[in-house]
PDB file of N, CA and C in Angstrom:
ATOM      1  N   MET A   1       0.814  -1.190   0.000  1.00  0.00           N
ATOM      2  CA  MET A   1       0.000   0.000   0.000  1.00  0.00           C
ATOM      3  C   MET A   1       0.859   1.256   0.000  1.00  0.00           C
ATOM      4  N   GLY A   2       2.092   1.125  -0.445  1.00  0.00           N
ATOM      5  CA  GLY A   2       2.924   2.311  -0.589  1.00  0.00           C
ATOM      6  C   GLY A   2       3.786   2.652   0.611  1.00  0.00           C
ATOM      7  N   TYR A   3       3.842   1.792   1.620  1.00  0.00           N
ATOM      8  CA  TYR A   3       4.660   2.055   2.794  1.00  0.00           C
ATOM      9  C   TYR A   3       5.909   1.189   2.758  1.00  0.00           C
ATOM     10  N   ALA A   4       6.956   1.696   3.387  1.00  0.00           N
ATOM     11  CA  ALA A   4       8.228   0.975   3.413  1.00  0.00           C
ATOM     12  C   ALA A   4       8.105  -0.289   4.266  1.00  0.00           C
ATOM     13  N   PRO A   5       8.945  -1.291   3.999  1.00  0.00           N
ATOM     14  CA  PRO A   5       8.962  -2.489   4.849  1.00  0.00           C
ATOM     15  C   PRO A   5       9.343  -2.121   6.279  1.00  0.00           C
ATOM     16  N   ILE A   6       8.935  -2.945   7.231  1.00  0.00           N
ATOM     17  CA  ILE A   6       9.264  -2.714   8.638  1.00  0.00           C
ATOM     18  C   ILE A   6      10.142  -3.843   9.156  1.00  0.00           C
ATOM     19  N   SER A   7      10.924  -3.540  10.176  1.00  0.00           N
ATOM     20  CA  SER A   7      11.728  -4.547  10.868  1.00  0.00           C
ATOM     21  C   SER A   7      11.390  -4.471  12.343  1.00  0.00           C
ATOM     22  N   LEU A   8      11.101  -5.610  12.945  1.00  0.00           N
ATOM     23  CA  LEU A   8      10.765  -5.662  14.364  1.00  0.00           C
ATOM     24  C   LEU A   8      11.668  -6.654  15.080  1.00  0.00           C
ATOM     25  N   LYS A   9      12.045  -6.290  16.291  1.00  0.00           N
ATOM     26  CA  LYS A   9      12.785  -7.208  17.159  1.00  0.00           C
ATOM     27  C   LYS A   9      11.784  -7.883  18.080  1.00  0.00           C
ATOM     28  N   SER A  10      12.187  -8.959  18.711  1.00  0.00           N
ATOM     29  CA  SER A  10      11.326  -9.688  19.628  1.00  0.00           C
ATOM     30  C   SER A  10      10.778  -8.743  20.695  1.00  0.00           C
ATOM     31  N   GLY A  11       9.454  -8.765  20.859  1.00  0.00           N
ATOM     32  CA  GLY A  11       8.811  -7.934  21.871  1.00  0.00           C
ATOM     33  C   GLY A  11       8.375  -6.563  21.389  1.00  0.00           C
ATOM     34  N   GLU A  12       8.864  -6.115  20.223  1.00  0.00           N
ATOM     35  CA  GLU A  12       8.443  -4.822  19.688  1.00  0.00           C
ATOM     36  C   GLU A  12       7.039  -4.926  19.114  1.00  0.00           C
ATOM     37  N   ARG A  13       6.336  -3.797  19.127  1.00  0.00           N
ATOM     38  CA  ARG A  13       4.975  -3.759  18.595  1.00  0.00           C
ATOM     39  C   ARG A  13       4.892  -2.771  17.443  1.00  0.00           C
ATOM     40  N   PHE A  14       3.949  -3.027  16.564  1.00  0.00           N
ATOM     41  CA  PHE A  14       3.724  -2.164  15.412  1.00  0.00           C
ATOM     42  C   PHE A  14       2.229  -2.143  15.149  1.00  0.00           C
ATOM     43  N   SER A  15       1.715  -1.020  14.741  1.00  0.00           N
ATOM     44  CA  SER A  15       0.276  -0.899  14.544  1.00  0.00           C
ATOM     45  C   SER A  15      -0.034  -0.261  13.198  1.00  0.00           C
ATOM     46  N   CYS A  16      -1.070  -0.759  12.537  1.00  0.00           N
ATOM     47  CA  CYS A  16      -1.568  -0.189  11.288  1.00  0.00           C
ATOM     48  C   CYS A  16      -3.075  -0.043  11.411  1.00  0.00           C
ATOM     49  N   THR A  17      -3.602   1.054  10.898  1.00  0.00           N
ATOM     50  CA  THR A  17      -5.041   1.262  10.863  1.00  0.00           C
ATOM     51  C   THR A  17      -5.448   1.452   9.410  1.00  0.00           C
ATOM     52  N   PHE A  18      -6.492   0.746   8.997  1.00  0.00           N
ATOM     53  CA  PHE A  18      -6.977   0.810   7.628  1.00  0.00           C
ATOM     54  C   PHE A  18      -8.382   1.377   7.601  1.00  0.00           C
ATOM     55  N   GLU A  19      -8.704   2.087   6.535  1.00  0.00           N
ATOM     56  CA  GLU A  19     -10.072   2.515   6.266  1.00  0.00           C
ATOM     57  C   GLU A  19     -10.455   1.968   4.902  1.00  0.00           C
ATOM     58  N   MET A  20     -11.729   1.614   4.759  1.00  0.00           N
ATOM     59  CA  MET A  20     -12.215   1.126   3.479  1.00  0.00           C
ATOM     60  C   MET A  20     -13.565   1.754   3.182  1.00  0.00           C
ATOM     61  N   THR A  21     -13.803   2.038   1.915  1.00  0.00           N
ATOM     62  CA  THR A  21     -15.116   2.459   1.460  1.00  0.00           C
ATOM     63  C   THR A  21     -15.841   1.194   1.045  1.00  0.00           C
ATOM     64  N   LEU A  22     -16.890   0.853   1.760  1.00  0.00           N
ATOM     65  CA  LEU A  22     -17.569  -0.419   1.510  1.00  0.00           C
ATOM     66  C   LEU A  22     -18.771  -0.227   0.594  1.00  0.00           C
ATOM     67  N   ASN A  23     -18.580  -0.536  -0.677  1.00  0.00           N
ATOM     68  CA  ASN A  23     -19.659  -0.534  -1.672  1.00  0.00           C
ATOM     69  C   ASN A  23     -20.096  -1.983  -1.837  1.00  0.00           C
ATOM     70  N   LEU A  24     -20.895  -2.462  -0.899  1.00  0.00           N
ATOM     71  CA  LEU A  24     -21.202  -3.886  -0.856  1.00  0.00           C
ATOM     72  C   LEU A  24     -22.660  -4.162  -1.181  1.00  0.00           C
ATOM     73  N   GLY A  25     -22.878  -5.207  -1.926  1.00  0.00           N
ATOM     74  CA  GLY A  25     -24.230  -5.706  -2.128  1.00  0.00           C
ATOM     75  C   GLY A  25     -24.612  -6.570  -0.941  1.00  0.00           C
ATOM     76  N   GLY A  26     -25.823  -7.029  -0.909  1.00  0.00           N
ATOM     77  CA  GLY A  26     -26.285  -7.869   0.185  1.00  0.00           C
ATOM     78  C   GLY A  26     -25.495  -9.158   0.281  1.00  0.00           C
ATOM     79  N   GLY A  27     -25.232  -9.593   1.498  1.00  0.00           N
ATOM     80  CA  GLY A  27     -24.515 -10.844   1.702  1.00  0.00           C
ATOM     81  C   GLY A  27     -23.713 -10.834   2.985  1.00  0.00           C
ATOM     82  N   THR A  28     -22.979 -11.904   3.207  1.00  0.00           N
ATOM     83  CA  THR A  28     -22.116 -12.029   4.372  1.00  0.00           C
ATOM     84  C   THR A  28     -20.674 -11.910   3.914  1.00  0.00           C
ATOM     85  N   TYR A  29     -19.912 -11.065   4.593  1.00  0.00           N
ATOM     86  CA  TYR A  29     -18.519 -10.806   4.237  1.00  0.00           C
ATOM     87  C   TYR A  29     -17.632 -11.149   5.423  1.00  0.00           C
ATOM     88  N   TYR A  30     -16.545 -11.855   5.152  1.00  0.00           N
ATOM     89  CA  TYR A  30     -15.584 -12.233   6.181  1.00  0.00           C
ATOM     90  C   TYR A  30     -14.288 -11.471   5.937  1.00  0.00           C
ATOM     91  N   LEU A  31     -13.847 -10.709   6.925  1.00  0.00           N
ATOM     92  CA  LEU A  31     -12.612  -9.947   6.803  1.00  0.00           C
ATOM     93  C   LEU A  31     -11.499 -10.686   7.527  1.00  0.00           C
ATOM     94  N   GLY A  32     -10.323 -10.702   6.925  1.00  0.00           N
ATOM     95  CA  GLY A  32      -9.191 -11.383   7.526  1.00  0.00           C
ATOM     96  C   GLY A  32      -7.926 -10.576   7.378  1.00  0.00           C
ATOM     97  N   VAL A  33      -6.893 -11.010   8.079  1.00  0.00           N
ATOM     98  CA  VAL A  33      -5.601 -10.339   8.067  1.00  0.00           C
ATOM     99  C   VAL A  33      -4.507 -11.390   7.890  1.00  0.00           C
ATOM    100  N   VAL A  34      -3.546 -11.079   7.018  1.00  0.00           N
ATOM    101  CA  VAL A  34      -2.407 -11.977   6.814  1.00  0.00           C
ATOM    102  C   VAL A  34      -1.125 -11.163   6.931  1.00  0.00           C
ATOM    103  N   LEU A  35      -0.190 -11.637   7.745  1.00  0.00           N
ATOM    104  CA  LEU A  35       1.146 -11.052   7.817  1.00  0.00           C
ATOM    105  C   LEU A  35       2.026 -11.902   6.901  1.00  0.00           C
ATOM    106  N   HIS A  36       2.461 -11.294   5.791  1.00  0.00           N
ATOM    107  CA  HIS A  36       3.164 -12.033   4.740  1.00  0.00           C
ATOM    108  C   HIS A  36       4.545 -11.447   4.524  1.00  0.00           C
ATOM    109  N   ARG A  37       5.545 -12.301   4.465  1.00  0.00           N
ATOM    110  CA  ARG A  37       6.917 -11.876   4.174  1.00  0.00           C
ATOM    111  C   ARG A  37       7.178 -12.161   2.699  1.00  0.00           C
ATOM    112  N   PHE A  38       7.272 -11.069   1.917  1.00  0.00           N
ATOM    113  CA  PHE A  38       7.346 -11.209   0.471  1.00  0.00           C
ATOM    114  C   PHE A  38       8.679 -11.748  -0.028  1.00  0.00           C
ATOM    115  N   ASN A  39       9.792 -11.443   0.653  1.00  0.00           N
ATOM    116  CA  ASN A  39      11.082 -11.883   0.115  1.00  0.00           C
ATOM    117  C   ASN A  39      11.258 -13.403   0.169  1.00  0.00           C
ATOM    118  N   VAL A  40      10.513 -14.086   1.044  1.00  0.00           N
ATOM    119  CA  VAL A  40      10.571 -15.550   1.083  1.00  0.00           C
ATOM    120  C   VAL A  40       9.220 -16.179   0.737  1.00  0.00           C
ATOM    121  N   GLN A  41       8.254 -15.318   0.342  1.00  0.00           N
ATOM    122  CA  GLN A  41       6.920 -15.777  -0.040  1.00  0.00           C
ATOM    123  C   GLN A  41       6.319 -16.711   1.009  1.00  0.00           C
ATOM    124  N   LYS A  42       6.257 -16.204   2.267  1.00  0.00           N
ATOM    125  CA  LYS A  42       5.764 -17.033   3.364  1.00  0.00           C
ATOM    126  C   LYS A  42       4.804 -16.226   4.234  1.00  0.00           C
ATOM    127  N   ASP A  43       3.658 -16.840   4.574  1.00  0.00           N
ATOM    128  CA  ASP A  43       2.744 -16.239   5.535  1.00  0.00           C
ATOM    129  C   ASP A  43       3.284 -16.494   6.935  1.00  0.00           C
ATOM    130  N   LEU A  44       3.483 -15.419   7.712  1.00  0.00           N
ATOM    131  CA  LEU A  44       4.001 -15.545   9.067  1.00  0.00           C
ATOM    132  C   LEU A  44       2.886 -15.702  10.089  1.00  0.00           C
ATOM    133  N   ASP A  45       1.742 -15.089   9.827  1.00  0.00           N
ATOM    134  CA  ASP A  45       0.604 -15.195  10.737  1.00  0.00           C
ATOM    135  C   ASP A  45      -0.664 -14.907   9.952  1.00  0.00           C
ATOM    136  N   ARG A  46      -1.775 -15.411  10.449  1.00  0.00           N
ATOM    137  CA  ARG A  46      -3.051 -15.264   9.741  1.00  0.00           C
ATOM    138  C   ARG A  46      -4.169 -15.238  10.772  1.00  0.00           C
ATOM    139  N   LEU A  47      -5.120 -14.330  10.586  1.00  0.00           N
ATOM    140  CA  LEU A  47      -6.317 -14.282  11.422  1.00  0.00           C
ATOM    141  C   LEU A  47      -7.510 -14.209  10.480  1.00  0.00           C
ATOM    142  N   PHE A  48      -8.239 -15.314  10.365  1.00  0.00           N
ATOM    143  CA  PHE A  48      -9.385 -15.352   9.470  1.00  0.00           C
ATOM    144  C   PHE A  48     -10.441 -16.295  10.030  1.00  0.00           C
ATOM    145  N   PRO A  49     -11.664 -15.826  10.163  1.00  0.00           N
ATOM    146  CA  PRO A  49     -12.083 -14.444   9.960  1.00  0.00           C
ATOM    147  C   PRO A  49     -11.728 -13.581  11.168  1.00  0.00           C
ATOM    148  N   ALA A  50     -11.343 -12.349  10.892  1.00  0.00           N
ATOM    149  CA  ALA A  50     -11.078 -11.382  11.956  1.00  0.00           C
ATOM    150  C   ALA A  50     -12.371 -10.677  12.330  1.00  0.00           C
ATOM    151  N   ALA A  51     -13.272 -10.557  11.385  1.00  0.00           N
ATOM    152  CA  ALA A  51     -14.580  -9.943  11.619  1.00  0.00           C
ATOM    153  C   ALA A  51     -15.535 -10.431  10.543  1.00  0.00           C
ATOM    154  N   THR A  52     -16.816 -10.364  10.839  1.00  0.00           N
ATOM    155  CA  THR A  52     -17.849 -10.751   9.890  1.00  0.00           C
ATOM    156  C   THR A  52     -18.843  -9.602   9.770  1.00  0.00           C
ATOM    157  N   ILE A  53     -19.212  -9.278   8.545  1.00  0.00           N
ATOM    158  CA  ILE A  53     -20.180  -8.221   8.287  1.00  0.00           C
ATOM    159  C   ILE A  53     -21.330  -8.830   7.492  1.00  0.00           C
ATOM    160  N   PHE A  54     -22.561  -8.559   7.923  1.00  0.00           N
ATOM    161  CA  PHE A  54     -23.732  -8.980   7.156  1.00  0.00           C
ATOM    162  C   PHE A  54     -24.423  -7.740   6.631  1.00  0.00           C
ATOM    163  N   VAL A  55     -24.680  -7.703   5.327  1.00  0.00           N
ATOM    164  CA  VAL A  55     -25.365  -6.583   4.693  1.00  0.00           C
ATOM    165  C   VAL A  55     -26.681  -7.104   4.126  1.00  0.00           C
ATOM    166  N   GLY A  56     -27.785  -6.526   4.607  1.00  0.00           N
ATOM    167  CA  GLY A  56     -29.099  -6.885   4.085  1.00  0.00           C
ATOM    168  C   GLY A  56     -29.466  -5.931   2.954  1.00  0.00           C
ATOM    169  N   SER A  57     -30.052  -6.466   1.880  1.00  0.00           N
ATOM    170  CA  SER A  57     -30.383  -5.631   0.736  1.00  0.00           C
ATOM    171  C   SER A  57     -31.570  -6.238   0.007  1.00  0.00           C
ATOM    172  N   GLU A  58     -32.505  -5.398  -0.403  1.00  0.00           N
ATOM    173  CA  GLU A  58     -33.652  -5.866  -1.183  1.00  0.00           C
ATOM    174  C   GLU A  58     -33.234  -6.276  -2.592  1.00  0.00           C
ATOM    175  N   PRO A  59     -32.628  -5.347  -3.386  1.00  0.00           N
ATOM    176  CA  PRO A  59     -32.239  -5.769  -4.731  1.00  0.00           C
ATOM    177  C   PRO A  59     -30.989  -6.657  -4.673  1.00  0.00           C
ATOM    178  N   SER A  60     -30.940  -7.619  -5.548  1.00  0.00           N
ATOM    179  CA  SER A  60     -29.793  -8.519  -5.618  1.00  0.00           C
ATOM    180  C   SER A  60     -28.749  -7.934  -6.566  1.00  0.00           C
ATOM    181  N   VAL A  61     -27.567  -7.661  -6.047  1.00  0.00           N
ATOM    182  CA  VAL A  61     -26.479  -7.105  -6.857  1.00  0.00           C
ATOM    183  C   VAL A  61     -25.311  -8.073  -6.791  1.00  0.00           C
ATOM    184  N   ARG A  62     -24.707  -8.349  -7.922  1.00  0.00           N
ATOM    185  CA  ARG A  62     -23.561  -9.259  -7.964  1.00  0.00           C
ATOM    186  C   ARG A  62     -22.404  -8.579  -8.673  1.00  0.00           C
ATOM    187  N   GLY A  63     -21.196  -9.073  -8.387  1.00  0.00           N
ATOM    188  CA  GLY A  63     -20.022  -8.558  -9.076  1.00  0.00           C
ATOM    189  C   GLY A  63     -18.864  -8.330  -8.122  1.00  0.00           C
ATOM    190  N   ALA A  64     -17.745  -7.913  -8.693  1.00  0.00           N
ATOM    191  CA  ALA A  64     -16.533  -7.671  -7.901  1.00  0.00           C
ATOM    192  C   ALA A  64     -16.715  -6.431  -7.039  1.00  0.00           C
ATOM    193  N   VAL A  65     -16.016  -6.430  -5.905  1.00  0.00           N
ATOM    194  CA  VAL A  65     -16.090  -5.307  -4.969  1.00  0.00           C
ATOM    195  C   VAL A  65     -14.708  -4.709  -4.818  1.00  0.00           C
ATOM    196  N   ASN A  66     -14.574  -3.403  -5.045  1.00  0.00           N
ATOM    197  CA  ASN A  66     -13.334  -2.697  -4.736  1.00  0.00           C
ATOM    198  C   ASN A  66     -13.610  -1.840  -3.515  1.00  0.00           C
ATOM    199  N   THR A  67     -12.906  -2.105  -2.414  1.00  0.00           N
ATOM    200  CA  THR A  67     -13.156  -1.392  -1.158  1.00  0.00           C
ATOM    201  C   THR A  67     -12.297  -0.143  -1.015  1.00  0.00           C
ATOM    202  N   TYR A  68     -11.478   0.179  -2.007  1.00  0.00           N
ATOM    203  CA  TYR A  68     -10.618   1.365  -1.984  1.00  0.00           C
ATOM    204  C   TYR A  68      -9.892   1.504  -0.643  1.00  0.00           C
ATOM    205  N   PRO A  69      -9.092   0.497  -0.251  1.00  0.00           N
ATOM    206  CA  PRO A  69      -8.454   0.571   1.061  1.00  0.00           C
ATOM    207  C   PRO A  69      -7.390   1.658   1.117  1.00  0.00           C
ATOM    208  N   LYS A  70      -7.236   2.257   2.295  1.00  0.00           N
ATOM    209  CA  LYS A  70      -6.145   3.196   2.535  1.00  0.00           C
ATOM    210  C   LYS A  70      -5.705   3.038   3.982  1.00  0.00           C
ATOM    211  N   MET A  71      -4.424   3.255   4.209  1.00  0.00           N
ATOM    212  CA  MET A  71      -3.879   3.150   5.555  1.00  0.00           C
ATOM    213  C   MET A  71      -3.888   4.535   6.175  1.00  0.00           C
ATOM    214  N   THR A  72      -4.456   4.655   7.384  1.00  0.00           N
ATOM    215  CA  THR A  72      -4.548   5.955   8.032  1.00  0.00           C
ATOM    216  C   THR A  72      -3.595   6.093   9.211  1.00  0.00           C
ATOM    217  N   ALA A  73      -2.991   5.017   9.656  1.00  0.00           N
ATOM    218  CA  ALA A  73      -1.992   5.069  10.725  1.00  0.00           C
ATOM    219  C   ALA A  73      -0.987   3.955  10.475  1.00  0.00           C
ATOM    220  N   PHE A  74       0.289   4.253  10.653  1.00  0.00           N
ATOM    221  CA  PHE A  74       1.347   3.300  10.337  1.00  0.00           C
ATOM    222  C   PHE A  74       2.545   3.625  11.208  1.00  0.00           C
ATOM    223  N   GLY A  75       2.895   2.758  12.139  1.00  0.00           N
ATOM    224  CA  GLY A  75       4.062   2.998  12.969  1.00  0.00           C
ATOM    225  C   GLY A  75       3.934   2.369  14.334  1.00  0.00           C
ATOM    226  N   PRO A  76       4.970   2.556  15.169  1.00  0.00           N
ATOM    227  CA  PRO A  76       4.906   2.050  16.542  1.00  0.00           C
ATOM    228  C   PRO A  76       3.720   2.679  17.270  1.00  0.00           C
ATOM    229  N   PRO A  77       3.056   1.934  18.151  1.00  0.00           N
ATOM    230  CA  PRO A  77       1.869   2.460  18.830  1.00  0.00           C
ATOM    231  C   PRO A  77       2.086   3.808  19.509  1.00  0.00           C
ATOM    232  N   SER A  78       3.248   4.056  20.084  1.00  0.00           N
ATOM    233  CA  SER A  78       3.493   5.336  20.760  1.00  0.00           C
ATOM    234  C   SER A  78       3.452   6.493  19.768  1.00  0.00           C
ATOM    235  N   GLU A  79       3.971   6.304  18.569  1.00  0.00           N
ATOM    236  CA  GLU A  79       3.933   7.353  17.544  1.00  0.00           C
ATOM    237  C   GLU A  79       2.516   7.573  17.034  1.00  0.00           C
ATOM    238  N   ILE A  80       1.757   6.504  16.878  1.00  0.00           N
ATOM    239  CA  ILE A  80       0.385   6.622  16.389  1.00  0.00           C
ATOM    240  C   ILE A  80      -0.472   7.352  17.409  1.00  0.00           C
ATOM    241  N   GLU A  81      -0.334   7.031  18.697  1.00  0.00           N
ATOM    242  CA  GLU A  81      -1.134   7.691  19.733  1.00  0.00           C
ATOM    243  C   GLU A  81      -0.816   9.180  19.784  1.00  0.00           C
ATOM    244  N   SER A  82       0.462   9.576  19.675  1.00  0.00           N
ATOM    245  CA  SER A  82       0.801  10.999  19.724  1.00  0.00           C
ATOM    246  C   SER A  82       0.241  11.741  18.501  1.00  0.00           C
ATOM    247  N   THR A  83       0.191  11.053  17.356  1.00  0.00           N
ATOM    248  CA  THR A  83      -0.386  11.648  16.150  1.00  0.00           C
ATOM    249  C   THR A  83      -1.890  11.848  16.317  1.00  0.00           C
ATOM    250  N   LYS A  84      -2.581  10.836  16.882  1.00  0.00           N
ATOM    251  CA  LYS A  84      -4.012  10.951  17.113  1.00  0.00           C
ATOM    252  C   LYS A  84      -4.313  12.091  18.060  1.00  0.00           C
ATOM    253  N   GLU A  85      -3.517  12.226  19.136  1.00  0.00           N
ATOM    254  CA  GLU A  85      -3.728  13.295  20.113  1.00  0.00           C
ATOM    255  C   GLU A  85      -3.541  14.652  19.442  1.00  0.00           C
ATOM    256  N   ALA A  86      -2.556  14.792  18.581  1.00  0.00           N
ATOM    257  CA  ALA A  86      -2.300  16.067  17.905  1.00  0.00           C
ATOM    258  C   ALA A  86      -3.458  16.422  16.969  1.00  0.00           C
ATOM    259  N   ILE A  87      -4.020  15.422  16.300  1.00  0.00           N
ATOM    260  CA  ILE A  87      -5.152  15.646  15.396  1.00  0.00           C
ATOM    261  C   ILE A  87      -6.388  16.081  16.176  1.00  0.00           C
ATOM    262  N   GLU A  88      -6.611  15.469  17.359  1.00  0.00           N
ATOM    263  CA  GLU A  88      -7.787  15.785  18.148  1.00  0.00           C
ATOM    264  C   GLU A  88      -7.718  17.176  18.753  1.00  0.00           C
ATOM    265  N   LEU A  89      -6.509  17.740  18.932  1.00  0.00           N
ATOM    266  CA  LEU A  89      -6.371  19.067  19.522  1.00  0.00           C
ATOM    267  C   LEU A  89      -6.736  20.085  18.529  1.00  0.00           C
TER     268      LEU A  89
END
């Protein structure tokens, strides 16, 4: 998503926040998360489903969904919290 790779040592934490525009037709959607290391093509961790969304709709709509994802926070939790506090002020 346009961000540089990260390196973490044992015990370090990192946080990312995503926003999506959900243009969804009726149905059940399962959201998941995968931590993938691209240089060795290996999944390091996976959480699926992480959340489930049900959308009720009268008309039946089918087709591909683009959620236009964007990352709104990226970094160590302490940096993200200070950024949020600055925005709220």
